[in-house]
Amino acid sequence: MTLTATITELAAARADGATVVDVREPGEYVAGHVPGAVLMPMGQLPSRVAELDRSRPVYVICASGNRSRAMADFLGAVGFEARSVDGGTTAWAQSGRPVVTGPRANAA
């Protein structure tokens, strides 16, 4: 069973320094992403798990929640506490929270 998080839960976790992994494609990420989210496209995530800290929860986000559910399941199977963000980046933006555009995780 996939662990999930609401947008409100993600916002609180981000404030505590949680890891946020965006599994969309680079073009989607550049168009707008959650501040601090690290781009690891779905096809690359399995080969990049060593970049993640197993001792901390990982919040996985995509556009709406489909890809993130699959990748949260994968991360859970390999020993991470991973949560799929319900509604994805679309719900984050619709909630009025900040979105960063461009290739950097945070605005610079």
C-alpha atoms as a PDB file:
ATOM      1  CA  MET A   1       0.000   0.000   0.000  1.00  0.00           C
ATOM      2  CA  THR A   2       1.321   3.390  -0.982  1.00  0.00           C
ATOM      3  CA  LEU A   3       1.858   5.935   1.772  1.00  0.00           C
ATOM      4  CA  THR A   4       0.490   9.306   0.734  1.00  0.00           C
ATOM      5  CA  ALA A   5       0.741  12.902   1.880  1.00  0.00           C
ATOM      6  CA  THR A   6      -1.566  15.840   1.377  1.00  0.00           C
ATOM      7  CA  ILE A   7      -0.334  19.190   0.096  1.00  0.00           C
ATOM      8  CA  THR A   8      -0.628  20.530   3.663  1.00  0.00           C
ATOM      9  CA  GLU A   9       1.462  17.628   4.986  1.00  0.00           C
ATOM     10  CA  LEU A  10       4.057  18.240   2.273  1.00  0.00           C
ATOM     11  CA  ALA A  11       4.249  21.942   3.180  1.00  0.00           C
ATOM     12  CA  ALA A  12       4.862  21.056   6.847  1.00  0.00           C
ATOM     13  CA  ALA A  13       7.441  18.405   5.930  1.00  0.00           C
ATOM     14  CA  ARG A  14       9.271  20.857   3.650  1.00  0.00           C
ATOM     15  CA  ALA A  15       9.456  23.323   6.547  1.00  0.00           C
ATOM     16  CA  ASP A  16      11.232  20.547   8.500  1.00  0.00           C
ATOM     17  CA  GLY A  17      13.708  19.980   5.654  1.00  0.00           C
ATOM     18  CA  ALA A  18      12.107  16.918   4.074  1.00  0.00           C
ATOM     19  CA  THR A  19      13.461  15.508   0.826  1.00  0.00           C
ATOM     20  CA  VAL A  20      11.125  16.173  -2.105  1.00  0.00           C
ATOM     21  CA  VAL A  21      11.757  14.232  -5.319  1.00  0.00           C
ATOM     22  CA  ASP A  22      10.022  15.332  -8.527  1.00  0.00           C
ATOM     23  CA  VAL A  23       9.706  12.358 -10.885  1.00  0.00           C
ATOM     24  CA  ARG A  24       8.354  14.278 -13.884  1.00  0.00           C
ATOM     25  CA  GLU A  25      10.328  14.903 -17.056  1.00  0.00           C
ATOM     26  CA  PRO A  26      12.788  17.833 -17.257  1.00  0.00           C
ATOM     27  CA  GLY A  27      10.456  19.992 -19.384  1.00  0.00           C
ATOM     28  CA  GLU A  28       7.658  19.631 -16.840  1.00  0.00           C
ATOM     29  CA  TYR A  29      10.029  20.444 -13.971  1.00  0.00           C
ATOM     30  CA  VAL A  30      11.382  23.590 -15.671  1.00  0.00           C
ATOM     31  CA  ALA A  31       7.807  24.786 -16.296  1.00  0.00           C
ATOM     32  CA  GLY A  32       7.139  24.820 -12.546  1.00  0.00           C
ATOM     33  CA  HIS A  33       8.011  22.769  -9.456  1.00  0.00           C
ATOM     34  CA  VAL A  34       7.765  22.784  -5.670  1.00  0.00           C
ATOM     35  CA  PRO A  35      10.631  24.856  -4.214  1.00  0.00           C
ATOM     36  CA  GLY A  36      13.488  22.587  -3.204  1.00  0.00           C
ATOM     37  CA  ALA A  37      12.240  19.579  -5.170  1.00  0.00           C
ATOM     38  CA  VAL A  38      15.050  17.537  -6.715  1.00  0.00           C
ATOM     39  CA  LEU A  39      14.464  16.397 -10.299  1.00  0.00           C
ATOM     40  CA  MET A  40      14.807  12.614 -10.683  1.00  0.00           C
ATOM     41  CA  PRO A  41      12.669  11.593 -13.663  1.00  0.00           C
ATOM     42  CA  MET A  42      10.773   8.339 -13.215  1.00  0.00           C
ATOM     43  CA  GLY A  43      13.071   6.513 -15.640  1.00  0.00           C
ATOM     44  CA  GLN A  44      16.190   7.632 -13.741  1.00  0.00           C
ATOM     45  CA  LEU A  45      15.052   7.173 -10.148  1.00  0.00           C
ATOM     46  CA  PRO A  46      15.949   3.464  -9.795  1.00  0.00           C
ATOM     47  CA  SER A  47      19.562   4.192 -10.781  1.00  0.00           C
ATOM     48  CA  ARG A  48      19.794   7.276  -8.540  1.00  0.00           C
ATOM     49  CA  VAL A  49      18.512   5.948  -5.190  1.00  0.00           C
ATOM     50  CA  ALA A  50      22.030   6.201  -3.727  1.00  0.00           C
ATOM     51  CA  GLU A  51      21.601  10.007  -3.858  1.00  0.00           C
ATOM     52  CA  LEU A  52      18.765   9.814  -1.311  1.00  0.00           C
ATOM     53  CA  ASP A  53      19.051   9.625   2.487  1.00  0.00           C
ATOM     54  CA  ARG A  54      17.415   6.416   3.733  1.00  0.00           C
ATOM     55  CA  SER A  55      17.181   7.828   7.260  1.00  0.00           C
ATOM     56  CA  ARG A  56      14.677  10.539   6.248  1.00  0.00           C
ATOM     57  CA  PRO A  57      11.220  10.385   4.686  1.00  0.00           C
ATOM     58  CA  VAL A  58      11.092  11.066   0.957  1.00  0.00           C
ATOM     59  CA  TYR A  59       8.115  12.890  -0.574  1.00  0.00           C
ATOM     60  CA  VAL A  60       7.614  11.914  -4.207  1.00  0.00           C
ATOM     61  CA  ILE A  61       5.731  14.310  -6.466  1.00  0.00           C
ATOM     62  CA  CYS A  62       4.692  14.370 -10.116  1.00  0.00           C
ATOM     63  CA  ALA A  63       1.988  16.287 -12.001  1.00  0.00           C
ATOM     64  CA  SER A  64      -1.087  14.658 -10.450  1.00  0.00           C
ATOM     65  CA  GLY A  65      -0.054  11.654  -8.354  1.00  0.00           C
ATOM     66  CA  ASN A  66       0.112   8.683 -10.740  1.00  0.00           C
ATOM     67  CA  ARG A  67       3.861   8.508 -11.399  1.00  0.00           C
ATOM     68  CA  SER A  68       4.645   9.468  -7.813  1.00  0.00           C
ATOM     69  CA  ARG A  69       2.558   6.561  -6.470  1.00  0.00           C
ATOM     70  CA  ALA A  70       4.525   4.093  -8.582  1.00  0.00           C
ATOM     71  CA  MET A  71       7.861   5.585  -7.535  1.00  0.00           C
ATOM     72  CA  ALA A  72       6.885   5.811  -3.841  1.00  0.00           C
ATOM     73  CA  ASP A  73       6.007   2.105  -4.028  1.00  0.00           C
ATOM     74  CA  PHE A  74       9.408   1.396  -5.587  1.00  0.00           C
ATOM     75  CA  LEU A  75      11.262   3.404  -2.927  1.00  0.00           C
ATOM     76  CA  GLY A  76       9.273   1.704  -0.168  1.00  0.00           C
ATOM     77  CA  ALA A  77      10.275  -1.687  -1.580  1.00  0.00           C
ATOM     78  CA  VAL A  78      13.959  -0.769  -1.387  1.00  0.00           C
ATOM     79  CA  GLY A  79      13.837   0.489   2.194  1.00  0.00           C
ATOM     80  CA  PHE A  80      12.753   4.120   2.135  1.00  0.00           C
ATOM     81  CA  GLU A  81       9.879   5.756   3.979  1.00  0.00           C
ATOM     82  CA  ALA A  82       8.384   7.268   0.837  1.00  0.00           C
ATOM     83  CA  ARG A  83       5.117   9.142   0.424  1.00  0.00           C
ATOM     84  CA  SER A  84       3.327  10.033  -2.788  1.00  0.00           C
ATOM     85  CA  VAL A  85       1.956  13.584  -2.764  1.00  0.00           C
ATOM     86  CA  ASP A  86      -1.790  13.555  -3.484  1.00  0.00           C
ATOM     87  CA  GLY A  87      -2.652  15.818  -6.421  1.00  0.00           C
ATOM     88  CA  GLY A  88       0.982  16.463  -7.264  1.00  0.00           C
ATOM     89  CA  THR A  89       2.459  19.733  -8.444  1.00  0.00           C
ATOM     90  CA  THR A  90      -0.892  20.699  -9.941  1.00  0.00           C
ATOM     91  CA  ALA A  91      -2.566  20.652  -6.517  1.00  0.00           C
ATOM     92  CA  TRP A  92       0.421  22.436  -4.953  1.00  0.00           C
ATOM     93  CA  ALA A  93       0.140  25.309  -7.444  1.00  0.00           C
ATOM     94  CA  GLN A  94      -3.683  25.416  -7.182  1.00  0.00           C
ATOM     95  CA  SER A  95      -3.350  25.784  -3.399  1.00  0.00           C
ATOM     96  CA  GLY A  96      -1.585  29.100  -3.954  1.00  0.00           C
ATOM     97  CA  ARG A  97       1.794  27.889  -2.713  1.00  0.00           C
ATOM     98  CA  PRO A  98       4.969  29.092  -4.447  1.00  0.00           C
ATOM     99  CA  VAL A  99       6.239  27.414  -7.598  1.00  0.00           C
ATOM    100  CA  VAL A 100       9.761  27.730  -8.970  1.00  0.00           C
ATOM    101  CA  THR A 101      10.394  27.812 -12.737  1.00  0.00           C
ATOM    102  CA  GLY A 102      13.651  26.952 -14.429  1.00  0.00           C
ATOM    103  CA  PRO A 103      16.179  24.152 -13.929  1.00  0.00           C
ATOM    104  CA  ARG A 104      17.243  24.956 -10.338  1.00  0.00           C
ATOM    105  CA  ALA A 105      15.580  23.399  -7.295  1.00  0.00           C
ATOM    106  CA  ASN A 106      15.175  26.838  -5.703  1.00  0.00           C
ATOM    107  CA  ALA A 107      14.882  30.273  -7.266  1.00  0.00           C
ATOM    108  CA  ALA A 108      18.318  31.823  -7.680  1.00  0.00           C
END
